[in-house]
Protein backbone atom coordinates (compact mmCIF):
# COMPACT_ATOMS: atom_id res chain seq x y z
CA MET A 1 -183.14 24.25 -122.35
CA LYS A 2 -186.42 23.44 -124.06
CA PRO A 3 -186.16 24.28 -127.78
CA SER A 4 -188.62 26.91 -128.99
CA ILE A 5 -189.06 29.67 -131.57
CA PRO A 6 -190.46 33.20 -131.15
CA LYS A 7 -194.23 33.46 -131.18
CA GLY A 8 -195.73 34.24 -134.55
CA THR A 9 -192.95 32.44 -136.43
CA ARG A 10 -192.76 28.88 -137.69
CA ASP A 11 -190.47 26.21 -139.10
CA PHE A 12 -191.10 24.53 -142.43
CA LEU A 13 -190.44 20.84 -143.08
CA PRO A 14 -188.96 19.74 -146.44
CA GLU A 15 -192.35 18.97 -147.97
CA GLU A 16 -193.65 22.38 -146.91
CA VAL A 17 -190.58 24.16 -148.27
CA VAL A 18 -191.06 22.49 -151.66
CA LYS A 19 -194.71 23.57 -151.69
CA ARG A 20 -193.74 27.15 -150.79
CA LYS A 21 -191.15 27.21 -153.56
CA TYR A 22 -193.81 26.02 -156.00
CA MET A 23 -196.15 28.79 -154.84
CA PHE A 24 -193.41 31.43 -155.14
CA SER A 25 -192.44 30.14 -158.60
CA VAL A 26 -196.01 30.52 -159.86
CA ILE A 27 -196.25 34.06 -158.47
CA GLU A 28 -192.82 35.03 -159.83
CA SER A 29 -193.58 33.63 -163.28
CA VAL A 30 -196.62 35.90 -163.56
CA PHE A 31 -194.65 38.91 -162.30
CA LYS A 32 -192.02 38.33 -165.00
CA LYS A 33 -194.67 37.79 -167.65
CA PHE A 34 -196.00 41.28 -166.96
CA GLY A 35 -192.53 42.81 -167.29
CA TYR A 36 -191.56 43.33 -163.63
CA GLN A 37 -187.91 43.15 -162.56
CA PRO A 38 -186.57 41.72 -159.27
CA ILE A 39 -184.99 43.78 -156.49
CA GLU A 40 -184.13 43.11 -152.85
CA THR A 41 -183.82 45.41 -149.83
CA PRO A 42 -182.34 44.84 -146.33
CA ALA A 43 -184.38 43.18 -143.58
CA MET A 44 -183.63 46.25 -141.44
CA GLU A 45 -184.37 49.85 -142.34
CA ASN A 46 -183.60 53.01 -140.42
CA LEU A 47 -186.50 53.47 -138.02
CA GLN A 48 -187.19 56.96 -139.34
CA THR A 49 -187.78 55.39 -142.77
CA LEU A 50 -190.58 53.24 -141.38
CA ALA A 51 -192.17 55.35 -138.63
CA GLY A 52 -195.24 57.37 -139.49
CA LYS A 53 -195.98 55.57 -142.77
CA TYR A 54 -198.48 52.96 -141.63
CA GLY A 55 -200.95 54.86 -139.46
CA GLU A 56 -201.17 54.74 -135.68
CA GLU A 57 -201.83 51.01 -135.52
CA GLY A 58 -199.01 50.19 -137.93
CA ASP A 59 -196.51 52.21 -135.90
CA ARG A 60 -197.39 50.16 -132.83
CA LEU A 61 -196.63 46.97 -134.74
CA LEU A 62 -193.13 47.95 -135.86
CA PHE A 63 -190.34 45.73 -134.54
CA LYS A 64 -187.56 47.98 -133.23
CA VAL A 65 -183.94 46.84 -133.19
CA LEU A 66 -181.91 47.94 -130.14
CA ASN A 67 -178.76 49.92 -130.80
CA ASN A 68 -175.49 47.99 -130.67
CA GLY A 69 -173.50 47.69 -127.45
CA ASP A 70 -174.64 49.45 -124.27
CA PHE A 71 -177.88 50.85 -125.71
CA LEU A 72 -178.90 52.37 -122.37
CA LYS A 73 -175.77 54.54 -122.21
CA LYS A 74 -177.30 57.12 -124.56
CA ALA A 75 -180.90 56.54 -123.52
CA ASP A 76 -183.17 59.47 -122.78
CA ALA A 77 -182.86 59.54 -118.98
CA ASP A 78 -186.07 61.50 -118.47
CA ALA A 79 -188.10 59.11 -120.66
CA LEU A 80 -186.51 56.13 -118.91
CA ALA A 81 -187.37 57.52 -115.47
CA LYS A 82 -190.95 58.19 -116.52
CA MET A 83 -191.24 54.80 -118.27
CA ASP A 84 -192.28 56.66 -121.43
CA SER A 85 -191.59 53.99 -124.06
CA SER A 86 -192.75 56.07 -127.03
CA LYS A 87 -190.22 58.79 -126.17
CA LEU A 88 -187.52 56.37 -125.06
CA VAL A 89 -187.44 54.30 -128.24
CA SER A 90 -185.86 57.00 -130.42
CA SER A 91 -182.82 57.09 -128.13
CA ILE A 92 -182.24 53.33 -127.88
CA ALA A 93 -183.32 52.07 -131.32
CA LYS A 94 -182.30 53.55 -134.67
CA ARG A 95 -183.35 50.61 -136.82
CA GLY A 96 -186.43 48.49 -137.32
CA LEU A 97 -187.45 45.34 -139.19
CA ARG A 98 -189.38 46.21 -142.34
CA TYR A 99 -193.17 46.21 -141.88
CA ASP A 100 -193.91 45.85 -145.57
CA LEU A 101 -192.05 46.04 -148.89
CA THR A 102 -193.66 49.23 -150.24
CA VAL A 103 -192.06 51.87 -148.01
CA PRO A 104 -188.57 50.33 -148.42
CA PHE A 105 -189.22 50.33 -152.18
CA ALA A 106 -190.00 54.06 -152.11
CA ARG A 107 -186.72 54.64 -150.25
CA PHE A 108 -184.95 52.40 -152.80
CA VAL A 109 -186.33 54.43 -155.73
CA VAL A 110 -185.05 57.69 -154.28
CA MET A 111 -181.60 56.31 -153.46
CA HIS A 112 -181.16 54.68 -156.88
CA ARG A 113 -183.04 57.21 -159.02
CA ASN A 114 -180.15 57.63 -161.46
CA ALA A 115 -180.00 53.90 -162.18
CA LEU A 116 -183.72 53.47 -162.86
CA GLN A 117 -185.70 54.07 -166.05
CA LEU A 118 -189.18 55.40 -165.32
CA PRO A 119 -191.74 53.96 -165.34
CA PHE A 120 -189.92 51.33 -163.29
CA LYS A 121 -191.65 48.00 -162.64
CA ARG A 122 -190.30 45.87 -159.84
CA PHE A 123 -191.20 42.71 -157.98
CA GLN A 124 -189.90 41.64 -154.61
CA ILE A 125 -190.37 38.41 -152.64
CA GLN A 126 -188.97 38.77 -149.12
CA PRO A 127 -190.06 38.42 -145.47
CA VAL A 128 -191.57 41.21 -143.38
CA TRP A 129 -192.23 41.47 -139.64
CA ARG A 130 -195.15 42.82 -137.63
CA ALA A 131 -195.58 42.69 -133.86
CA ASP A 132 -199.17 41.54 -134.28
CA ARG A 133 -201.03 39.17 -131.98
CA PRO A 134 -200.47 35.72 -133.51
CA GLN A 135 -203.59 33.80 -134.50
CA LYS A 136 -204.81 31.61 -137.34
CA GLY A 137 -203.63 33.14 -140.59
CA ARG A 138 -201.70 35.91 -138.84
CA TYR A 139 -197.98 35.70 -138.13
CA GLN A 140 -195.25 38.02 -136.90
CA GLU A 141 -192.86 36.89 -139.62
CA PHE A 142 -194.20 36.24 -143.10
CA TYR A 143 -193.34 36.66 -146.74
CA GLN A 144 -194.84 39.24 -149.04
CA CYS A 145 -194.72 39.04 -152.81
CA ASP A 146 -195.03 42.55 -154.25
CA VAL A 147 -195.30 44.14 -157.66
CA ASP A 148 -195.09 47.92 -158.00
CA VAL A 149 -194.64 50.41 -160.80
CA VAL A 150 -193.45 53.96 -160.17
CA GLY A 151 -193.26 56.92 -162.51
CA SER A 152 -196.72 56.88 -164.09
CA LYS A 153 -200.26 57.91 -163.15
CA SER A 154 -201.79 55.80 -165.92
CA LEU A 155 -204.70 53.70 -164.72
CA ILE A 156 -203.63 50.86 -166.99
CA TYR A 157 -201.35 49.83 -164.14
CA GLU A 158 -204.31 49.53 -161.75
CA ALA A 159 -205.95 47.29 -164.34
CA GLU A 160 -202.70 45.35 -164.64
CA CYS A 161 -202.67 44.77 -160.87
CA VAL A 162 -206.12 43.20 -161.17
CA GLN A 163 -204.93 41.01 -164.05
CA ILE A 164 -201.89 39.88 -162.06
CA TYR A 165 -204.05 38.90 -159.09
CA ASP A 166 -206.48 37.11 -161.40
CA GLU A 167 -203.81 35.12 -163.24
CA VAL A 168 -201.81 34.12 -160.16
CA PHE A 169 -204.82 32.78 -158.29
CA ASP A 170 -206.16 31.09 -161.41
CA LYS A 171 -202.82 29.27 -161.80
CA LEU A 172 -202.92 28.30 -158.12
CA LYS A 173 -206.53 27.12 -158.61
CA LEU A 174 -207.64 29.23 -155.63
CA PRO A 175 -210.91 31.11 -156.35
CA VAL A 176 -210.82 34.69 -155.08
CA ILE A 177 -212.77 37.93 -154.98
CA ILE A 178 -210.76 40.98 -156.02
CA ARG A 179 -212.23 44.13 -154.46
CA ILE A 180 -211.46 47.70 -155.46
CA ASN A 181 -212.25 51.10 -153.95
CA HIS A 182 -210.71 54.57 -154.13
CA ARG A 183 -209.41 56.80 -151.35
CA LYS A 184 -210.93 59.82 -153.10
CA ILE A 185 -214.34 58.18 -152.98
CA LEU A 186 -213.89 57.80 -149.22
CA GLU A 187 -212.76 61.42 -149.01
CA GLY A 188 -215.76 62.44 -151.10
CA ILE A 189 -218.08 60.57 -148.75
CA ALA A 190 -216.50 62.41 -145.82
CA GLU A 191 -217.00 65.73 -147.62
CA VAL A 192 -220.68 65.26 -148.48
CA CYS A 193 -221.34 63.97 -144.95
CA GLY A 194 -219.80 67.10 -143.42
CA ILE A 195 -216.72 65.48 -141.85
CA ALA A 196 -213.98 66.38 -144.35
CA ASP A 197 -211.64 67.21 -141.47
CA ALA A 198 -212.16 63.76 -139.97
CA VAL A 199 -211.51 61.64 -143.07
CA SER A 200 -208.60 59.83 -141.39
CA ALA A 201 -210.74 58.88 -138.37
CA MET A 202 -213.48 57.73 -140.72
CA THR A 203 -211.10 55.64 -142.85
CA ILE A 204 -209.48 53.98 -139.85
CA SER A 205 -212.93 53.07 -138.56
CA VAL A 206 -214.26 51.76 -141.88
CA ASP A 207 -211.09 49.69 -142.31
CA LYS A 208 -212.34 47.53 -139.43
CA TRP A 209 -215.60 46.68 -141.20
CA ASP A 210 -214.71 43.04 -141.85
CA LYS A 211 -213.80 42.54 -138.18
CA VAL A 212 -216.52 44.46 -136.32
CA GLY A 213 -219.35 44.93 -138.81
CA ARG A 214 -221.58 47.94 -139.37
CA SER A 215 -222.43 48.63 -135.75
CA GLY A 216 -218.81 48.27 -134.70
CA VAL A 217 -217.70 50.78 -137.35
CA ALA A 218 -220.39 53.23 -136.19
CA SER A 219 -219.20 52.86 -132.61
CA GLU A 220 -215.57 53.30 -133.66
CA MET A 221 -216.37 56.52 -135.53
CA GLU A 222 -218.19 57.92 -132.51
CA LYS A 223 -215.18 57.08 -130.33
CA ARG A 224 -213.07 59.10 -132.74
CA GLY A 225 -215.26 62.18 -132.46
CA ILE A 226 -217.68 61.69 -135.36
CA SER A 227 -221.30 62.31 -134.37
CA ALA A 228 -223.80 59.47 -134.54
CA GLU A 229 -225.76 61.36 -137.21
CA ASN A 230 -222.72 61.88 -139.43
CA ALA A 231 -221.58 58.30 -138.87
CA GLU A 232 -224.98 57.06 -140.04
CA SER A 233 -224.74 59.23 -143.18
CA VAL A 234 -221.31 57.76 -143.92
CA LEU A 235 -222.51 54.19 -143.45
CA THR A 236 -225.54 54.75 -145.67
CA LEU A 237 -223.33 55.88 -148.56
CA ILE A 238 -220.71 53.18 -147.99
CA GLU A 239 -223.38 50.49 -148.10
CA GLU A 240 -224.84 51.82 -151.37
CA ASP A 241 -224.95 48.87 -153.76
CA ASP A 242 -225.79 50.97 -156.84
CA PHE A 243 -222.56 52.47 -158.17
CA LEU A 244 -224.46 55.05 -160.26
CA ALA A 245 -226.45 56.12 -157.19
CA LEU A 246 -223.21 56.56 -155.24
CA ALA A 247 -221.75 58.61 -158.10
CA LYS A 248 -224.84 60.81 -158.04
CA ALA A 249 -224.56 61.29 -154.28
CA LEU A 250 -220.94 62.45 -154.68
CA ARG A 251 -221.59 64.94 -157.49
CA SER A 252 -221.03 67.90 -155.16
CA SER A 253 -217.53 66.63 -154.30
CA ASP A 254 -214.85 67.12 -156.95
CA THR A 255 -212.63 64.71 -155.04
CA GLY A 256 -215.28 62.02 -154.88
CA THR A 257 -216.15 62.52 -158.56
CA GLN A 258 -212.50 62.00 -159.51
CA GLY A 259 -212.48 58.74 -157.57
CA ILE A 260 -215.64 57.58 -159.33
CA HIS A 261 -214.10 58.41 -162.72
CA ASP A 262 -210.92 56.44 -161.92
CA ILE A 263 -212.87 53.38 -160.81
CA GLU A 264 -215.00 53.48 -163.96
CA GLU A 265 -211.88 53.61 -166.14
CA VAL A 266 -210.19 50.71 -164.34
CA ILE A 267 -213.34 48.61 -164.61
CA LYS A 268 -213.51 49.43 -168.32
CA TYR A 269 -209.91 48.29 -168.88
CA VAL A 270 -210.37 45.09 -166.88
CA SER A 271 -213.71 44.16 -168.45
CA GLY A 272 -212.09 44.49 -171.88
CA SER A 273 -209.52 41.82 -171.03
CA GLY A 274 -211.75 39.55 -168.97
CA THR A 275 -211.06 37.94 -165.61
CA LYS A 276 -211.62 34.42 -164.37
CA ASN A 277 -212.17 35.51 -160.76
CA GLU A 278 -214.81 37.88 -159.41
CA PHE A 279 -213.82 41.56 -159.58
CA ARG A 280 -216.04 44.14 -157.91
CA PHE A 281 -216.25 47.62 -156.46
CA ASP A 282 -216.71 47.74 -152.67
CA ALA A 283 -217.05 51.08 -150.88
CA THR A 284 -216.48 49.39 -147.49
CA LEU A 285 -212.87 48.72 -148.48
CA ALA A 286 -210.72 51.29 -146.69
CA ARG A 287 -207.17 50.02 -146.23
CA GLY A 288 -205.79 51.88 -143.24
CA LEU A 289 -202.27 52.60 -144.49
CA ASP A 290 -201.80 56.34 -144.63
CA TYR A 291 -199.81 56.43 -147.86
CA TYR A 292 -202.61 55.35 -150.25
CA THR A 293 -203.95 58.17 -152.41
CA GLY A 294 -206.01 56.52 -155.16
CA CYS A 295 -207.33 53.07 -156.01
CA ILE A 296 -207.02 50.47 -153.27
CA PHE A 297 -207.31 46.70 -153.62
CA GLU A 298 -207.98 43.73 -151.41
CA VAL A 299 -208.25 40.03 -152.23
CA GLU A 300 -210.03 37.35 -150.28
CA SER A 301 -210.99 33.76 -150.96
CA PRO A 302 -214.57 32.65 -150.25
CA ASP A 303 -213.15 29.20 -149.42
CA TYR A 304 -210.65 30.49 -146.84
CA ALA A 305 -212.00 32.33 -143.81
CA SER A 306 -208.85 33.80 -142.27
CA GLY A 307 -208.73 37.29 -143.72
CA SER A 308 -207.39 38.94 -146.84
CA ILE A 309 -204.68 37.21 -148.87
CA GLY A 310 -203.61 40.28 -150.82
CA GLY A 311 -203.94 44.02 -151.01
CA GLY A 312 -202.42 47.22 -152.30
CA GLY A 313 -203.13 50.49 -154.01
CA ARG A 314 -201.84 53.76 -155.44
CA TYR A 315 -199.46 55.96 -153.46
CA ASP A 316 -198.65 59.11 -155.41
CA ASP A 317 -196.80 60.93 -152.61
CA LEU A 318 -194.68 58.27 -150.93
CA THR A 319 -191.29 59.14 -152.44
CA GLY A 320 -191.82 62.82 -151.54
CA ILE A 321 -191.04 62.12 -147.89
CA PHE A 322 -187.59 60.92 -149.00
CA GLY A 323 -186.88 64.09 -150.97
CA MET A 324 -188.17 63.07 -154.40
CA PRO A 325 -191.68 64.50 -154.94
CA ASP A 326 -194.09 63.88 -157.81
CA ILE A 327 -193.20 60.23 -158.41
CA PRO A 328 -196.51 58.36 -158.54
CA GLY A 329 -196.69 54.66 -157.79
CA VAL A 330 -199.11 51.77 -157.56
CA GLY A 331 -198.68 48.18 -156.51
CA VAL A 332 -200.18 45.11 -154.89
CA SER A 333 -198.96 42.49 -152.48
CA PHE A 334 -199.62 38.77 -152.05
CA GLY A 335 -199.78 37.48 -148.46
CA ALA A 336 -197.71 34.34 -148.98
CA ALA A 337 -198.30 32.85 -145.51
CA ARG A 338 -202.08 32.96 -145.79
CA ILE A 339 -202.03 31.81 -149.41
CA PHE A 340 -199.90 28.84 -148.37
CA ASP A 341 -202.30 28.01 -145.55
CA ALA A 342 -205.27 28.29 -147.93
CA LEU A 343 -203.67 25.99 -150.50
CA GLU A 344 -202.85 23.48 -147.76
CA GLN A 345 -206.30 23.66 -146.20
CA LEU A 346 -208.03 23.23 -149.57
CA ASN A 347 -205.58 20.56 -150.80
CA LEU A 348 -204.69 22.59 -153.91
CA PHE A 349 -200.97 21.84 -154.17
CA PRO A 350 -200.05 19.52 -157.08
CA GLU A 351 -199.59 15.93 -155.99
CA ASN A 352 -196.38 15.41 -157.98
CA LEU A 353 -194.24 18.03 -156.24
CA GLN A 354 -190.83 16.45 -155.61
CA PHE A 355 -189.47 16.93 -152.11
CA SER A 356 -187.43 13.70 -151.84
CA PRO A 357 -184.84 12.02 -154.08
CA ARG A 358 -186.20 10.13 -157.10
CA ILE A 359 -184.23 7.06 -156.12
CA LEU A 360 -182.46 5.63 -153.07
CA ILE A 361 -179.68 3.08 -153.59
CA LEU A 362 -179.58 0.32 -150.98
CA PRO A 363 -176.21 -1.53 -150.60
CA MET A 364 -176.52 -5.03 -149.11
CA ASP A 365 -172.87 -5.49 -148.10
CA SER A 366 -169.74 -3.46 -147.53
CA GLU A 367 -168.23 -4.65 -150.85
CA SER A 368 -171.14 -3.00 -152.71
CA MET A 369 -170.60 0.43 -151.19
CA GLU A 370 -168.01 1.59 -153.76
CA PHE A 371 -170.11 0.44 -156.75
CA ALA A 372 -173.20 2.03 -155.20
CA PHE A 373 -171.45 5.35 -154.68
CA GLY A 374 -170.03 5.40 -158.21
CA SER A 375 -173.48 4.62 -159.62
CA LEU A 376 -174.97 7.36 -157.48
CA SER A 377 -172.61 9.89 -159.10
CA LYS A 378 -173.63 8.79 -162.62
CA ILE A 379 -177.33 9.15 -161.78
CA ARG A 380 -176.78 12.63 -160.38
CA GLN A 381 -174.75 13.61 -163.46
CA ALA A 382 -177.85 12.76 -165.51
CA GLY A 383 -179.70 15.49 -163.59
CA ILE A 384 -181.67 13.13 -161.35
CA ALA A 385 -182.01 13.66 -157.61
CA ALA A 386 -180.58 10.55 -155.96
CA ASP A 387 -179.20 9.30 -152.67
CA MET A 388 -177.94 6.10 -151.06
CA TYR A 389 -178.18 4.56 -147.64
CA PRO A 390 -174.84 5.25 -145.89
CA GLU A 391 -174.16 1.75 -144.57
CA PRO A 392 -175.02 -1.86 -145.50
CA VAL A 393 -177.46 -2.63 -142.69
CA LYS A 394 -180.43 -4.99 -142.94
CA LEU A 395 -182.61 -4.33 -145.98
CA GLN A 396 -185.69 -4.08 -143.80
CA LYS A 397 -184.23 -1.01 -142.09
CA GLN A 398 -183.18 0.51 -145.42
CA PHE A 399 -186.64 0.00 -146.93
CA LYS A 400 -188.21 1.56 -143.86
CA TYR A 401 -186.03 4.62 -144.41
CA ALA A 402 -186.98 4.73 -148.10
CA ASN A 403 -190.68 4.62 -147.21
CA ALA A 404 -190.24 7.39 -144.68
CA LEU A 405 -188.58 9.59 -147.33
CA GLY A 406 -191.29 8.80 -149.84
CA VAL A 407 -188.87 7.96 -152.66
CA PRO A 408 -190.59 6.51 -155.73
CA PHE A 409 -187.77 4.07 -156.60
CA VAL A 410 -185.10 2.03 -154.80
CA ALA A 411 -182.17 0.18 -156.33
CA VAL A 412 -180.82 -2.79 -154.36
CA ILE A 413 -177.17 -3.76 -154.87
CA GLY A 414 -175.85 -7.08 -153.56
CA GLU A 415 -173.03 -9.38 -154.63
CA ASN A 416 -174.80 -10.55 -157.81
CA GLU A 417 -175.72 -7.01 -158.87
CA ARG A 418 -172.20 -5.78 -158.16
CA VAL A 419 -170.55 -8.54 -160.20
CA HIS A 420 -172.83 -8.02 -163.21
CA GLU A 421 -173.02 -4.23 -162.76
CA VAL A 422 -176.81 -4.17 -162.60
CA PHE A 423 -179.46 -3.09 -160.11
CA ALA A 424 -182.61 -4.62 -158.67
CA LEU A 425 -184.83 -1.62 -159.38
CA LYS A 426 -188.14 -1.47 -157.51
CA ASN A 427 -191.05 0.91 -158.11
CA MET A 428 -192.23 1.70 -154.58
CA ASP A 429 -195.76 2.55 -155.69
CA SER A 430 -196.52 -0.43 -157.91
CA GLY A 431 -194.15 -2.91 -156.29
CA LYS A 432 -192.82 -3.90 -159.73
CA GLN A 433 -189.17 -4.97 -159.75
CA ASP A 434 -186.76 -5.30 -162.70
CA THR A 435 -183.06 -5.95 -163.19
CA VAL A 436 -181.52 -3.08 -165.14
CA ASN A 437 -178.10 -1.65 -165.99
CA ILE A 438 -177.14 1.97 -165.27
CA ASP A 439 -178.33 3.32 -168.63
CA GLN A 440 -181.68 1.55 -168.35
CA LEU A 441 -182.06 2.74 -164.76
CA ILE A 442 -181.48 6.36 -165.78
CA GLU A 443 -183.94 6.01 -168.68
CA VAL A 444 -186.65 4.65 -166.36
CA LEU A 445 -186.15 7.53 -163.92
CA GLN A 446 -186.20 10.15 -166.66
CA MET A 447 -189.39 8.75 -168.17
CA ALA A 448 -191.05 8.58 -164.75
CA LYS A 449 -190.59 12.32 -164.04
């Protein structure tokens, strides 16, 4: 059998894993700094928890998990005969892999309401799965790094989301543009353009702006039953660069005016604290997830051309579908896979990330093996990552192995070193070699960190 992995997934070599852990540690450190607490949820959720929360496109991308055992035994015979997969799935699959971390978090809040103090601030770093068409920057299995706060409508949390994005990407040295819009502004645009009953069709269409451009969005709206004239009115307002002019155009819509007010307040909070990355309002931003009700965010890097690397927004009604209404929430997510690819592509990972042992001990003869192993234990007890070659083969082969690992130091042990309990310590970068005892060896390694 030829070894392979499912499409849209990937393996990570040791060096890549170390880089990912560095990236996650930077993100997590900022989350903790802002007072968020860690939680975890299962990889699988009941399918009814996930279905209907992500819009029509999101539902198509849900991974369904077949029921245990003979899953066809209780299958809908009529749906099976008619090859009706949408009707069949409910009878053969009760679970699904999580599509994002937000909906499972809403379910988590409702189930654990008595253990949580509101407002509750959580972060979560776990994988999600989407049956999307794999391409550059898009995978079927990828990690998300989320922060959310539930139990407050205060717009300080929207401003905090912007600050978190700004600080994380500043620490990662990845320049980004943080964009903000408001679902009520989009609803207000629909109202003043005479298509209030088609706001969902409009939003789904506008959400494709980055992929298909202005003309593509116009065509998409017409396909969804919005007249060419109304579509043009929508596009004219969405492209309005002057925020005050847009606010004036939405004066007749209470909904749109509320969205304008919220954006102004968030901008005021953020401008008072300052950001290192660009932060701007963008009316073309229309994230297609159905659960957003207020501010929405998206992050992209001008130096990385493979789509957004973060997004989120406010969802004031999400817990209501699980039997706990009136619990507002807001949060943002970091797309770890794309961020990793961007950092790799732009060579932004620190050069001194350690993914190999600090030292490799090289025994020259079988008599040196015991001394080498005992020395290895002492080095490890000092908190230093160390290893030894497992057999006394030719030094040329051992050095080749050390070079392949990328270890910065090697310690050669032969008969003379064993008798005098010393090591021939070599710096693999400079080529410098010294004879040192165990304490001196440990000191050199500690100072070289």
